[in-house]
Amino acid sequence: MVEINGNEQFFGRTVILSPGGEPRMIHVPGEAEFKGRGVSYCATCDGDFFTGKDIVVVGGGNSALEEAVSLTKYARNVAVVHQFDQFQAFPYAVEEAKANPKIKFYMESQVRNIIGDDSVKQVEIEHLPTGDKTTLAVDGIFIFIGYIAKTQGFEKCIELNFKGEIIVDAEMQTNVPGVFAAGDSIVKRYRQVTTAVSDGTIAALSAIEYLRTN
């Protein structure tokens, strides 16, 4: 039995969960206003829109540094802004980013404001130890500081990892027999429409097999 919104109940022998997720935001002025107009959370989706332009990448983990390197295929210059004095990424990702001549690093710094008119024009950065602020003229900002799975409440019935993502096996089966999951809410590296569709197909076929054999 699955209960929706506290009042609707659905009964079935299997269920496929796909609550989705959303990128973690930095919550500064201009972020929400310029989303889709220079503020992006997906290099694969939006990278080519910034061909020959200057951009900022926020973050210090694997995703941030790998995507920063990927974005140098399009952008003229990439400024990586990270709030700590060292990266949380794997050494290979750090080395690759540091070796790229298009990438400049702003360590121990945070974005404080995103400024523009019809689209992003400037990003204000604060150096945390000194409080000094720098304004960069840029055309876009890519934010890679994590992803939030919309699984609040599921921790009582299925196994989640420390990030709140649903743990599944290769057949999209959770730790509860007959309960499958797919899409951006599961433990995975790449979150794209194509990977979500693949997850859903596997989950559906696995659910059919479960019904056939149980």
N, C-alpha and C. Protein backbone atom coordinates (compact mmCIF):
# COMPACT_ATOMS: atom_id res chain seq x y z
N MET A 1 0.84 -1.19 0.00
CA MET A 1 0.00 0.00 0.00
C MET A 1 0.88 1.25 0.00
N VAL A 2 0.51 2.22 -0.83
CA VAL A 2 1.20 3.50 -0.89
C VAL A 2 0.20 4.60 -0.57
N GLU A 3 0.58 5.48 0.35
CA GLU A 3 -0.30 6.58 0.73
C GLU A 3 0.26 7.88 0.17
N ILE A 4 -0.59 8.65 -0.53
CA ILE A 4 -0.19 9.91 -1.16
C ILE A 4 -0.87 11.08 -0.45
N ASN A 5 -0.07 12.08 -0.07
CA ASN A 5 -0.60 13.29 0.55
C ASN A 5 -1.44 13.02 1.79
N GLY A 6 -1.18 11.92 2.43
CA GLY A 6 -1.84 11.64 3.69
C GLY A 6 -3.27 11.16 3.59
N ASN A 7 -3.82 11.07 2.36
CA ASN A 7 -5.22 10.64 2.27
C ASN A 7 -5.51 9.65 1.14
N GLU A 8 -4.77 9.75 0.02
CA GLU A 8 -5.01 8.83 -1.09
C GLU A 8 -4.20 7.56 -0.89
N GLN A 9 -4.83 6.41 -1.05
CA GLN A 9 -4.16 5.13 -0.87
C GLN A 9 -4.27 4.29 -2.13
N PHE A 10 -3.13 3.68 -2.50
CA PHE A 10 -3.08 2.82 -3.67
C PHE A 10 -2.50 1.47 -3.25
N PHE A 11 -3.08 0.40 -3.76
CA PHE A 11 -2.64 -0.94 -3.40
C PHE A 11 -2.07 -1.64 -4.62
N GLY A 12 -0.97 -2.35 -4.41
CA GLY A 12 -0.36 -3.10 -5.50
C GLY A 12 0.71 -4.03 -4.96
N ARG A 13 1.10 -4.98 -5.79
CA ARG A 13 2.13 -5.95 -5.37
C ARG A 13 3.54 -5.41 -5.58
N THR A 14 3.68 -4.39 -6.42
CA THR A 14 4.97 -3.74 -6.61
C THR A 14 4.76 -2.23 -6.69
N VAL A 15 5.84 -1.51 -6.50
CA VAL A 15 5.79 -0.05 -6.65
C VAL A 15 7.15 0.42 -7.17
N ILE A 16 7.12 1.42 -8.05
CA ILE A 16 8.35 2.04 -8.55
C ILE A 16 8.38 3.48 -8.05
N LEU A 17 9.38 3.81 -7.26
CA LEU A 17 9.51 5.15 -6.70
C LEU A 17 10.38 6.02 -7.63
N SER A 18 9.91 7.20 -7.93
CA SER A 18 10.71 8.14 -8.73
C SER A 18 10.40 9.58 -8.30
N PRO A 19 10.74 9.92 -7.05
CA PRO A 19 10.42 11.26 -6.53
C PRO A 19 11.32 12.36 -7.09
N GLY A 20 12.42 11.98 -7.75
CA GLY A 20 13.29 12.98 -8.36
C GLY A 20 14.18 13.69 -7.36
N GLY A 21 14.74 14.80 -7.80
CA GLY A 21 15.64 15.57 -6.96
C GLY A 21 15.88 16.94 -7.58
N GLU A 22 16.74 17.71 -6.94
CA GLU A 22 17.04 19.04 -7.45
C GLU A 22 18.45 19.45 -7.05
N PRO A 23 19.11 20.28 -7.87
CA PRO A 23 20.47 20.73 -7.52
C PRO A 23 20.43 21.59 -6.25
N ARG A 24 21.48 21.50 -5.47
CA ARG A 24 21.61 22.33 -4.28
C ARG A 24 21.94 23.76 -4.71
N MET A 25 21.25 24.73 -4.16
CA MET A 25 21.44 26.13 -4.54
C MET A 25 22.39 26.83 -3.56
N ILE A 26 22.96 27.96 -3.99
CA ILE A 26 23.83 28.73 -3.10
C ILE A 26 23.06 29.84 -2.39
N HIS A 27 21.83 30.11 -2.83
CA HIS A 27 20.93 31.06 -2.16
C HIS A 27 21.55 32.44 -2.00
N VAL A 28 21.90 33.04 -3.12
CA VAL A 28 22.40 34.41 -3.12
C VAL A 28 21.50 35.24 -4.03
N PRO A 29 21.51 36.56 -3.86
CA PRO A 29 20.70 37.42 -4.74
C PRO A 29 21.04 37.18 -6.21
N GLY A 30 20.02 37.04 -7.03
CA GLY A 30 20.21 36.85 -8.45
C GLY A 30 20.16 35.41 -8.91
N GLU A 31 20.36 34.46 -7.98
CA GLU A 31 20.40 33.06 -8.41
C GLU A 31 19.07 32.60 -8.99
N ALA A 32 18.00 32.81 -8.25
CA ALA A 32 16.69 32.40 -8.74
C ALA A 32 16.25 33.25 -9.92
N GLU A 33 16.55 34.53 -9.87
CA GLU A 33 16.13 35.46 -10.92
C GLU A 33 16.73 35.10 -12.28
N PHE A 34 18.00 34.68 -12.29
CA PHE A 34 18.69 34.42 -13.55
C PHE A 34 18.80 32.94 -13.89
N LYS A 35 18.05 32.09 -13.19
CA LYS A 35 18.05 30.67 -13.53
C LYS A 35 17.54 30.50 -14.96
N GLY A 36 18.32 29.85 -15.79
CA GLY A 36 17.96 29.68 -17.18
C GLY A 36 18.35 30.87 -18.05
N ARG A 37 18.90 31.90 -17.42
CA ARG A 37 19.36 33.10 -18.15
C ARG A 37 20.80 33.42 -17.77
N GLY A 38 21.57 32.37 -17.57
CA GLY A 38 22.96 32.52 -17.20
C GLY A 38 23.34 31.71 -15.98
N VAL A 39 22.36 31.37 -15.15
CA VAL A 39 22.59 30.48 -14.02
C VAL A 39 22.19 29.07 -14.43
N SER A 40 23.12 28.14 -14.31
CA SER A 40 22.88 26.77 -14.75
C SER A 40 23.42 25.78 -13.73
N TYR A 41 22.86 24.58 -13.77
CA TYR A 41 23.31 23.49 -12.90
C TYR A 41 23.70 22.27 -13.72
N CYS A 42 23.84 22.44 -15.04
CA CYS A 42 24.10 21.31 -15.93
C CYS A 42 25.01 21.73 -17.08
N ALA A 43 26.27 21.30 -17.02
CA ALA A 43 27.21 21.64 -18.09
C ALA A 43 26.85 20.94 -19.39
N THR A 44 26.40 19.69 -19.30
CA THR A 44 26.03 18.94 -20.49
C THR A 44 24.88 19.61 -21.22
N CYS A 45 23.92 20.15 -20.45
CA CYS A 45 22.74 20.77 -21.04
C CYS A 45 23.06 22.13 -21.66
N ASP A 46 23.86 22.93 -20.98
CA ASP A 46 23.97 24.35 -21.34
C ASP A 46 25.36 24.81 -21.77
N GLY A 47 26.34 23.93 -21.73
CA GLY A 47 27.71 24.35 -22.00
C GLY A 47 27.90 25.06 -23.32
N ASP A 48 27.30 24.56 -24.39
CA ASP A 48 27.56 25.15 -25.70
C ASP A 48 26.93 26.53 -25.87
N PHE A 49 26.03 26.92 -24.98
CA PHE A 49 25.47 28.28 -25.04
C PHE A 49 26.52 29.33 -24.64
N PHE A 50 27.62 28.88 -24.05
CA PHE A 50 28.63 29.81 -23.54
C PHE A 50 29.93 29.71 -24.33
N THR A 51 29.82 29.33 -25.58
CA THR A 51 30.99 29.24 -26.44
C THR A 51 31.63 30.62 -26.60
N GLY A 52 32.94 30.69 -26.29
CA GLY A 52 33.68 31.94 -26.41
C GLY A 52 33.39 32.95 -25.33
N LYS A 53 32.71 32.53 -24.24
CA LYS A 53 32.34 33.46 -23.18
C LYS A 53 33.05 33.12 -21.88
N ASP A 54 32.94 34.02 -20.91
CA ASP A 54 33.56 33.84 -19.60
C ASP A 54 32.51 33.36 -18.61
N ILE A 55 32.87 32.35 -17.81
CA ILE A 55 31.91 31.79 -16.86
C ILE A 55 32.57 31.52 -15.52
N VAL A 56 31.72 31.31 -14.51
CA VAL A 56 32.13 30.93 -13.17
C VAL A 56 31.58 29.54 -12.88
N VAL A 57 32.39 28.73 -12.21
CA VAL A 57 31.94 27.43 -11.70
C VAL A 57 32.07 27.46 -10.19
N VAL A 58 31.01 27.10 -9.48
CA VAL A 58 31.01 27.09 -8.02
C VAL A 58 31.08 25.65 -7.53
N GLY A 59 32.06 25.37 -6.67
CA GLY A 59 32.18 24.04 -6.08
C GLY A 59 33.60 23.57 -6.03
N GLY A 60 33.84 22.50 -5.25
CA GLY A 60 35.19 21.98 -5.12
C GLY A 60 35.26 20.48 -5.09
N GLY A 61 34.17 19.82 -5.46
CA GLY A 61 34.16 18.36 -5.51
C GLY A 61 34.44 17.85 -6.91
N ASN A 62 34.27 16.55 -7.10
CA ASN A 62 34.54 15.95 -8.40
C ASN A 62 33.69 16.56 -9.51
N SER A 63 32.41 16.72 -9.24
CA SER A 63 31.51 17.26 -10.27
C SER A 63 31.95 18.65 -10.71
N ALA A 64 32.26 19.49 -9.74
CA ALA A 64 32.64 20.87 -10.07
C ALA A 64 33.90 20.92 -10.93
N LEU A 65 34.93 20.19 -10.54
CA LEU A 65 36.19 20.26 -11.27
C LEU A 65 36.11 19.54 -12.62
N GLU A 66 35.42 18.42 -12.66
CA GLU A 66 35.27 17.71 -13.93
C GLU A 66 34.46 18.54 -14.92
N GLU A 67 33.41 19.18 -14.41
CA GLU A 67 32.57 19.99 -15.30
C GLU A 67 33.30 21.28 -15.70
N ALA A 68 34.13 21.81 -14.81
CA ALA A 68 34.91 22.99 -15.16
C ALA A 68 35.83 22.69 -16.34
N VAL A 69 36.48 21.53 -16.28
CA VAL A 69 37.34 21.11 -17.39
C VAL A 69 36.51 20.91 -18.65
N SER A 70 35.37 20.27 -18.52
CA SER A 70 34.49 20.04 -19.67
C SER A 70 34.04 21.35 -20.30
N LEU A 71 33.75 22.34 -19.47
CA LEU A 71 33.26 23.62 -19.97
C LEU A 71 34.34 24.42 -20.71
N THR A 72 35.61 24.09 -20.48
CA THR A 72 36.67 24.80 -21.22
C THR A 72 36.63 24.48 -22.71
N LYS A 73 35.91 23.45 -23.09
CA LYS A 73 35.74 23.15 -24.52
C LYS A 73 34.92 24.24 -25.21
N TYR A 74 34.11 24.95 -24.41
CA TYR A 74 33.25 25.99 -24.96
C TYR A 74 33.70 27.38 -24.52
N ALA A 75 33.88 27.55 -23.23
CA ALA A 75 34.12 28.88 -22.67
C ALA A 75 35.52 29.41 -22.98
N ARG A 76 35.63 30.72 -22.96
CA ARG A 76 36.94 31.36 -23.14
C ARG A 76 37.75 31.24 -21.87
N ASN A 77 37.12 31.53 -20.74
CA ASN A 77 37.78 31.44 -19.43
C ASN A 77 36.79 30.89 -18.41
N VAL A 78 37.31 30.11 -17.46
CA VAL A 78 36.49 29.54 -16.39
C VAL A 78 37.11 29.89 -15.05
N ALA A 79 36.33 30.55 -14.18
CA ALA A 79 36.78 30.87 -12.82
C ALA A 79 36.09 29.91 -11.85
N VAL A 80 36.89 29.12 -11.13
CA VAL A 80 36.35 28.18 -10.15
C VAL A 80 36.38 28.84 -8.77
N VAL A 81 35.22 28.93 -8.15
CA VAL A 81 35.09 29.55 -6.82
C VAL A 81 34.79 28.45 -5.80
N HIS A 82 35.65 28.34 -4.79
CA HIS A 82 35.50 27.29 -3.78
C HIS A 82 35.70 27.89 -2.39
N GLN A 83 34.85 27.51 -1.46
CA GLN A 83 34.86 28.17 -0.14
C GLN A 83 35.98 27.69 0.79
N PHE A 84 36.63 26.58 0.46
CA PHE A 84 37.69 26.07 1.33
C PHE A 84 39.07 26.28 0.69
N ASP A 85 40.12 25.97 1.47
CA ASP A 85 41.48 26.17 0.95
C ASP A 85 42.02 24.96 0.21
N GLN A 86 41.23 23.89 0.14
CA GLN A 86 41.60 22.72 -0.63
C GLN A 86 40.34 22.07 -1.20
N PHE A 87 40.53 21.27 -2.25
CA PHE A 87 39.40 20.66 -2.92
C PHE A 87 39.01 19.33 -2.27
N GLN A 88 37.76 18.94 -2.46
CA GLN A 88 37.27 17.65 -1.98
C GLN A 88 37.26 16.60 -3.09
N ALA A 89 37.73 16.96 -4.26
CA ALA A 89 37.72 16.07 -5.41
C ALA A 89 38.88 15.08 -5.35
N PHE A 90 38.80 14.04 -6.19
CA PHE A 90 39.90 13.09 -6.32
C PHE A 90 41.13 13.79 -6.90
N PRO A 91 42.32 13.33 -6.55
CA PRO A 91 43.55 13.98 -7.03
C PRO A 91 43.62 14.13 -8.54
N TYR A 92 43.15 13.14 -9.29
CA TYR A 92 43.23 13.23 -10.75
C TYR A 92 42.40 14.40 -11.27
N ALA A 93 41.23 14.64 -10.65
CA ALA A 93 40.37 15.74 -11.08
C ALA A 93 41.00 17.09 -10.76
N VAL A 94 41.65 17.17 -9.59
CA VAL A 94 42.32 18.41 -9.19
C VAL A 94 43.48 18.70 -10.13
N GLU A 95 44.28 17.68 -10.41
CA GLU A 95 45.44 17.86 -11.28
C GLU A 95 45.03 18.28 -12.69
N GLU A 96 43.98 17.65 -13.20
CA GLU A 96 43.53 17.98 -14.55
C GLU A 96 43.03 19.42 -14.63
N ALA A 97 42.30 19.85 -13.60
CA ALA A 97 41.78 21.22 -13.58
C ALA A 97 42.92 22.23 -13.46
N LYS A 98 43.88 21.95 -12.57
CA LYS A 98 44.99 22.87 -12.37
C LYS A 98 45.89 22.97 -13.60
N ALA A 99 45.92 21.91 -14.40
CA ALA A 99 46.77 21.91 -15.59
C ALA A 99 46.12 22.62 -16.77
N ASN A 100 44.85 22.97 -16.63
CA ASN A 100 44.14 23.61 -17.75
C ASN A 100 44.38 25.12 -17.72
N PRO A 101 44.96 25.69 -18.76
CA PRO A 101 45.30 27.12 -18.75
C PRO A 101 44.09 28.05 -18.77
N LYS A 102 42.92 27.52 -19.10
CA LYS A 102 41.72 28.35 -19.14
C LYS A 102 41.07 28.55 -17.77
N ILE A 103 41.52 27.78 -16.78
CA ILE A 103 40.87 27.79 -15.48
C ILE A 103 41.67 28.59 -14.46
N LYS A 104 40.98 29.50 -13.77
CA LYS A 104 41.57 30.28 -12.68
C LYS A 104 40.79 29.96 -11.40
N PHE A 105 41.50 29.91 -10.27
CA PHE A 105 40.89 29.48 -9.02
C PHE A 105 40.77 30.62 -8.02
N TYR A 106 39.61 30.69 -7.38
CA TYR A 106 39.37 31.62 -6.28
C TYR A 106 39.06 30.77 -5.05
N MET A 107 40.11 30.48 -4.26
CA MET A 107 39.97 29.62 -3.10
C MET A 107 39.54 30.43 -1.88
N GLU A 108 38.95 29.73 -0.91
CA GLU A 108 38.44 30.35 0.31
C GLU A 108 37.54 31.54 -0.03
N SER A 109 36.70 31.33 -1.01
CA SER A 109 35.85 32.41 -1.52
C SER A 109 34.44 31.91 -1.75
N GLN A 110 33.50 32.84 -1.72
CA GLN A 110 32.10 32.51 -1.99
C GLN A 110 31.48 33.57 -2.89
N VAL A 111 30.54 33.12 -3.73
CA VAL A 111 29.75 34.06 -4.52
C VAL A 111 28.75 34.73 -3.60
N ARG A 112 28.69 36.05 -3.67
CA ARG A 112 27.77 36.81 -2.81
C ARG A 112 26.61 37.43 -3.58
N ASN A 113 26.79 37.62 -4.90
CA ASN A 113 25.74 38.30 -5.67
C ASN A 113 25.90 37.95 -7.14
N ILE A 114 24.79 37.75 -7.82
CA ILE A 114 24.77 37.52 -9.26
C ILE A 114 24.01 38.68 -9.89
N ILE A 115 24.67 39.40 -10.78
CA ILE A 115 24.15 40.68 -11.27
C ILE A 115 23.95 40.61 -12.78
N GLY A 116 22.89 41.27 -13.26
CA GLY A 116 22.66 41.30 -14.70
C GLY A 116 21.45 42.11 -15.06
N ASP A 117 21.03 42.00 -16.34
CA ASP A 117 19.80 42.64 -16.79
C ASP A 117 18.90 41.56 -17.38
N ASP A 118 19.00 41.33 -18.69
CA ASP A 118 18.25 40.22 -19.28
C ASP A 118 18.93 38.89 -19.01
N SER A 119 20.22 38.93 -18.71
CA SER A 119 21.00 37.73 -18.41
C SER A 119 22.13 38.11 -17.47
N VAL A 120 22.88 37.11 -17.03
CA VAL A 120 23.98 37.36 -16.10
C VAL A 120 25.07 38.19 -16.77
N LYS A 121 25.54 39.20 -16.05
CA LYS A 121 26.62 40.07 -16.54
C LYS A 121 27.82 40.09 -15.60
N GLN A 122 27.55 39.94 -14.28
CA GLN A 122 28.63 40.02 -13.30
C GLN A 122 28.36 39.05 -12.14
N VAL A 123 29.44 38.65 -11.49
CA VAL A 123 29.36 37.85 -10.27
C VAL A 123 30.28 38.48 -9.24
N GLU A 124 29.72 38.73 -8.06
CA GLU A 124 30.52 39.30 -6.96
C GLU A 124 31.01 38.17 -6.06
N ILE A 125 32.32 38.15 -5.81
CA ILE A 125 32.96 37.11 -5.01
C ILE A 125 33.62 37.72 -3.78
N GLU A 126 33.43 37.08 -2.63
CA GLU A 126 34.09 37.53 -1.41
C GLU A 126 35.18 36.55 -1.00
N HIS A 127 36.38 37.07 -0.72
CA HIS A 127 37.46 36.25 -0.18
C HIS A 127 37.25 36.17 1.33
N LEU A 128 36.93 35.00 1.83
CA LEU A 128 36.46 34.85 3.20
C LEU A 128 37.48 35.28 4.27
N PRO A 129 38.76 34.95 4.16
CA PRO A 129 39.70 35.36 5.22
C PRO A 129 39.85 36.87 5.36
N THR A 130 39.74 37.60 4.25
CA THR A 130 39.98 39.05 4.29
C THR A 130 38.72 39.89 4.18
N GLY A 131 37.66 39.30 3.62
CA GLY A 131 36.45 40.07 3.38
C GLY A 131 36.50 40.89 2.11
N ASP A 132 37.62 40.82 1.39
CA ASP A 132 37.74 41.58 0.14
C ASP A 132 36.79 41.02 -0.91
N LYS A 133 36.20 41.93 -1.68
CA LYS A 133 35.24 41.51 -2.70
C LYS A 133 35.76 41.85 -4.09
N THR A 134 35.52 40.93 -5.01
CA THR A 134 35.93 41.08 -6.40
C THR A 134 34.71 40.89 -7.29
N THR A 135 34.55 41.73 -8.28
CA THR A 135 33.45 41.60 -9.23
C THR A 135 34.00 41.15 -10.57
N LEU A 136 33.53 40.01 -11.05
CA LEU A 136 33.97 39.48 -12.33
C LEU A 136 32.91 39.72 -13.40
N ALA A 137 33.34 40.16 -14.56
CA ALA A 137 32.44 40.29 -15.70
C ALA A 137 32.33 38.92 -16.37
N VAL A 138 31.18 38.30 -16.26
CA VAL A 138 30.98 36.95 -16.80
C VAL A 138 29.62 36.87 -17.49
N ASP A 139 29.44 35.82 -18.26
CA ASP A 139 28.18 35.61 -18.97
C ASP A 139 27.33 34.50 -18.34
N GLY A 140 27.95 33.74 -17.43
CA GLY A 140 27.19 32.66 -16.82
C GLY A 140 27.86 32.12 -15.59
N ILE A 141 27.08 31.39 -14.79
CA ILE A 141 27.59 30.76 -13.58
C ILE A 141 26.99 29.36 -13.48
N PHE A 142 27.86 28.37 -13.32
CA PHE A 142 27.44 26.98 -13.19
C PHE A 142 27.68 26.55 -11.74
N ILE A 143 26.66 26.01 -11.11
CA ILE A 143 26.72 25.69 -9.68
C ILE A 143 26.70 24.17 -9.49
N PHE A 144 27.78 23.64 -8.90
CA PHE A 144 27.91 22.20 -8.67
C PHE A 144 28.31 21.96 -7.22
N ILE A 145 27.38 22.10 -6.30
CA ILE A 145 27.69 21.92 -4.88
C ILE A 145 26.85 20.79 -4.28
N GLY A 146 26.35 19.92 -5.14
CA GLY A 146 25.60 18.79 -4.63
C GLY A 146 24.19 18.71 -5.19
N TYR A 147 23.55 17.60 -4.89
CA TYR A 147 22.21 17.31 -5.40
C TYR A 147 21.35 16.80 -4.26
N ILE A 148 20.13 17.26 -4.18
CA ILE A 148 19.23 16.87 -3.09
C ILE A 148 18.13 15.95 -3.63
N ALA A 149 18.15 14.71 -3.20
CA ALA A 149 17.10 13.76 -3.58
C ALA A 149 15.84 14.06 -2.77
N LYS A 150 14.69 14.04 -3.42
CA LYS A 150 13.43 14.33 -2.74
C LYS A 150 12.87 13.06 -2.10
N THR A 151 13.58 12.60 -1.09
CA THR A 151 13.21 11.33 -0.46
C THR A 151 12.81 11.49 1.00
N GLN A 152 12.49 12.71 1.40
CA GLN A 152 12.10 12.94 2.79
C GLN A 152 10.89 12.06 3.14
N GLY A 153 11.02 11.30 4.22
CA GLY A 153 9.95 10.39 4.63
C GLY A 153 10.20 8.96 4.23
N PHE A 154 11.00 8.73 3.20
CA PHE A 154 11.27 7.37 2.74
C PHE A 154 12.23 6.63 3.66
N GLU A 155 12.99 7.38 4.49
CA GLU A 155 13.98 6.73 5.34
C GLU A 155 13.34 5.74 6.32
N LYS A 156 12.03 5.86 6.53
CA LYS A 156 11.35 4.97 7.46
C LYS A 156 10.99 3.63 6.83
N CYS A 157 11.07 3.54 5.50
CA CYS A 157 10.61 2.31 4.86
C CYS A 157 11.61 1.68 3.90
N ILE A 158 12.58 2.44 3.38
CA ILE A 158 13.58 1.86 2.50
C ILE A 158 14.96 2.39 2.88
N GLU A 159 16.00 1.72 2.40
CA GLU A 159 17.37 2.10 2.74
C GLU A 159 17.85 3.25 1.87
N LEU A 160 18.38 4.28 2.53
CA LEU A 160 18.97 5.43 1.85
C LEU A 160 20.44 5.53 2.23
N ASN A 161 21.23 6.20 1.39
CA ASN A 161 22.62 6.45 1.78
C ASN A 161 22.70 7.74 2.59
N PHE A 162 23.91 8.17 2.93
CA PHE A 162 24.07 9.34 3.80
C PHE A 162 23.61 10.62 3.12
N LYS A 163 23.47 10.61 1.80
CA LYS A 163 22.99 11.78 1.07
C LYS A 163 21.47 11.78 0.91
N GLY A 164 20.82 10.73 1.41
CA GLY A 164 19.38 10.64 1.25
C GLY A 164 18.96 10.04 -0.07
N GLU A 165 19.90 9.45 -0.81
CA GLU A 165 19.57 8.83 -2.10
C GLU A 165 19.14 7.39 -1.87
N ILE A 166 18.24 6.90 -2.71
CA ILE A 166 17.73 5.53 -2.58
C ILE A 166 18.77 4.55 -3.09
N ILE A 167 19.07 3.55 -2.29
CA ILE A 167 20.04 2.52 -2.68
C ILE A 167 19.33 1.42 -3.45
N VAL A 168 19.80 1.16 -4.67
CA VAL A 168 19.21 0.11 -5.51
C VAL A 168 20.32 -0.78 -6.06
N ASP A 169 19.93 -1.95 -6.54
CA ASP A 169 20.88 -2.82 -7.22
C ASP A 169 20.77 -2.61 -8.73
N ALA A 170 21.39 -3.47 -9.51
CA ALA A 170 21.41 -3.31 -10.96
C ALA A 170 20.02 -3.43 -11.58
N GLU A 171 19.10 -4.08 -10.87
CA GLU A 171 17.72 -4.23 -11.36
C GLU A 171 16.80 -3.14 -10.81
N MET A 172 17.37 -2.13 -10.17
CA MET A 172 16.61 -1.02 -9.58
C MET A 172 15.77 -1.47 -8.38
N GLN A 173 16.13 -2.61 -7.79
CA GLN A 173 15.43 -3.14 -6.62
C GLN A 173 16.00 -2.49 -5.36
N THR A 174 15.12 -2.01 -4.48
CA THR A 174 15.54 -1.48 -3.19
C THR A 174 15.73 -2.64 -2.22
N ASN A 175 15.98 -2.35 -0.95
CA ASN A 175 16.13 -3.41 0.04
C ASN A 175 14.80 -4.04 0.43
N VAL A 176 13.69 -3.45 -0.04
CA VAL A 176 12.36 -4.01 0.24
C VAL A 176 11.87 -4.77 -0.98
N PRO A 177 11.60 -6.06 -0.88
CA PRO A 177 11.14 -6.84 -2.02
C PRO A 177 9.90 -6.23 -2.67
N GLY A 178 9.94 -6.07 -3.98
CA GLY A 178 8.79 -5.52 -4.71
C GLY A 178 8.80 -4.01 -4.83
N VAL A 179 9.73 -3.37 -4.16
CA VAL A 179 9.82 -1.91 -4.22
C VAL A 179 11.06 -1.54 -5.05
N PHE A 180 10.83 -0.85 -6.16
CA PHE A 180 11.90 -0.45 -7.07
C PHE A 180 11.98 1.08 -7.10
N ALA A 181 13.08 1.59 -7.63
CA ALA A 181 13.23 3.05 -7.71
C ALA A 181 13.99 3.40 -8.97
N ALA A 182 13.76 4.62 -9.47
CA ALA A 182 14.40 5.05 -10.71
C ALA A 182 14.53 6.56 -10.74
N GLY A 183 15.48 7.02 -11.56
CA GLY A 183 15.61 8.47 -11.77
C GLY A 183 16.59 9.15 -10.85
N ASP A 184 16.42 10.45 -10.69
CA ASP A 184 17.39 11.27 -9.98
C ASP A 184 17.44 11.05 -8.47
N SER A 185 16.52 10.27 -7.93
CA SER A 185 16.50 10.05 -6.49
C SER A 185 17.37 8.88 -6.07
N ILE A 186 17.88 8.08 -7.02
CA ILE A 186 18.67 6.92 -6.65
C ILE A 186 20.16 7.26 -6.61
N VAL A 187 20.95 6.37 -6.03
CA VAL A 187 22.40 6.55 -6.00
C VAL A 187 22.93 6.38 -7.42
N LYS A 188 23.52 7.43 -7.96
CA LYS A 188 24.06 7.36 -9.32
C LYS A 188 25.00 8.54 -9.54
N ARG A 189 25.82 8.45 -10.56
CA ARG A 189 26.76 9.53 -10.85
C ARG A 189 26.18 10.54 -11.82
N TYR A 190 25.55 10.05 -12.90
CA TYR A 190 25.07 10.94 -13.94
C TYR A 190 23.56 11.11 -13.86
N ARG A 191 23.11 12.34 -13.88
CA ARG A 191 21.69 12.63 -13.81
C ARG A 191 21.27 13.40 -15.06
N GLN A 192 20.74 12.64 -16.02
CA GLN A 192 20.25 13.19 -17.27
C GLN A 192 18.92 12.53 -17.59
N VAL A 193 18.17 13.14 -18.49
CA VAL A 193 16.89 12.54 -18.90
C VAL A 193 17.11 11.13 -19.42
N THR A 194 18.16 10.94 -20.21
CA THR A 194 18.41 9.63 -20.81
C THR A 194 18.72 8.57 -19.75
N THR A 195 19.45 8.93 -18.70
CA THR A 195 19.75 7.94 -17.66
C THR A 195 18.50 7.63 -16.84
N ALA A 196 17.65 8.64 -16.63
CA ALA A 196 16.41 8.41 -15.89
C ALA A 196 15.47 7.49 -16.66
N VAL A 197 15.40 7.69 -17.98
CA VAL A 197 14.57 6.82 -18.82
C VAL A 197 15.08 5.38 -18.76
N SER A 198 16.41 5.24 -18.80
CA SER A 198 16.99 3.90 -18.69
C SER A 198 16.65 3.25 -17.35
N ASP A 199 16.78 4.02 -16.27
CA ASP A 199 16.42 3.51 -14.94
C ASP A 199 14.97 3.04 -14.92
N GLY A 200 14.09 3.87 -15.48
CA GLY A 200 12.67 3.55 -15.47
C GLY A 200 12.36 2.28 -16.24
N THR A 201 13.03 2.10 -17.38
CA THR A 201 12.83 0.89 -18.18
C THR A 201 13.26 -0.35 -17.40
N ILE A 202 14.44 -0.27 -16.79
CA ILE A 202 14.94 -1.40 -16.00
C ILE A 202 14.02 -1.70 -14.83
N ALA A 203 13.57 -0.64 -14.14
CA ALA A 203 12.67 -0.82 -12.99
C ALA A 203 11.36 -1.47 -13.42
N ALA A 204 10.80 -1.03 -14.55
CA ALA A 204 9.53 -1.59 -15.03
C ALA A 204 9.68 -3.06 -15.39
N LEU A 205 10.74 -3.39 -16.12
CA LEU A 205 10.96 -4.79 -16.50
C LEU A 205 11.24 -5.65 -15.28
N SER A 206 11.95 -5.11 -14.30
CA SER A 206 12.23 -5.84 -13.07
C SER A 206 10.95 -6.07 -12.27
N ALA A 207 10.07 -5.07 -12.26
CA ALA A 207 8.79 -5.20 -11.56
C ALA A 207 7.92 -6.29 -12.21
N ILE A 208 7.93 -6.32 -13.55
CA ILE A 208 7.18 -7.37 -14.26
C ILE A 208 7.71 -8.75 -13.89
N GLU A 209 9.06 -8.86 -13.87
CA GLU A 209 9.67 -10.14 -13.51
C GLU A 209 9.33 -10.52 -12.07
N TYR A 210 9.30 -9.53 -11.19
CA TYR A 210 8.94 -9.81 -9.79
C TYR A 210 7.51 -10.34 -9.70
N LEU A 211 6.59 -9.72 -10.43
CA LEU A 211 5.18 -10.17 -10.41
C LEU A 211 5.04 -11.58 -10.99
N ARG A 212 5.86 -11.89 -11.99
CA ARG A 212 5.77 -13.19 -12.64
C ARG A 212 6.27 -14.31 -11.75
N THR A 213 7.24 -14.00 -10.91
CA THR A 213 7.89 -15.06 -10.11
C THR A 213 7.49 -15.06 -8.64
N ASN A 214 6.66 -14.15 -8.22
CA ASN A 214 6.27 -14.10 -6.80
C ASN A 214 4.75 -14.15 -6.65
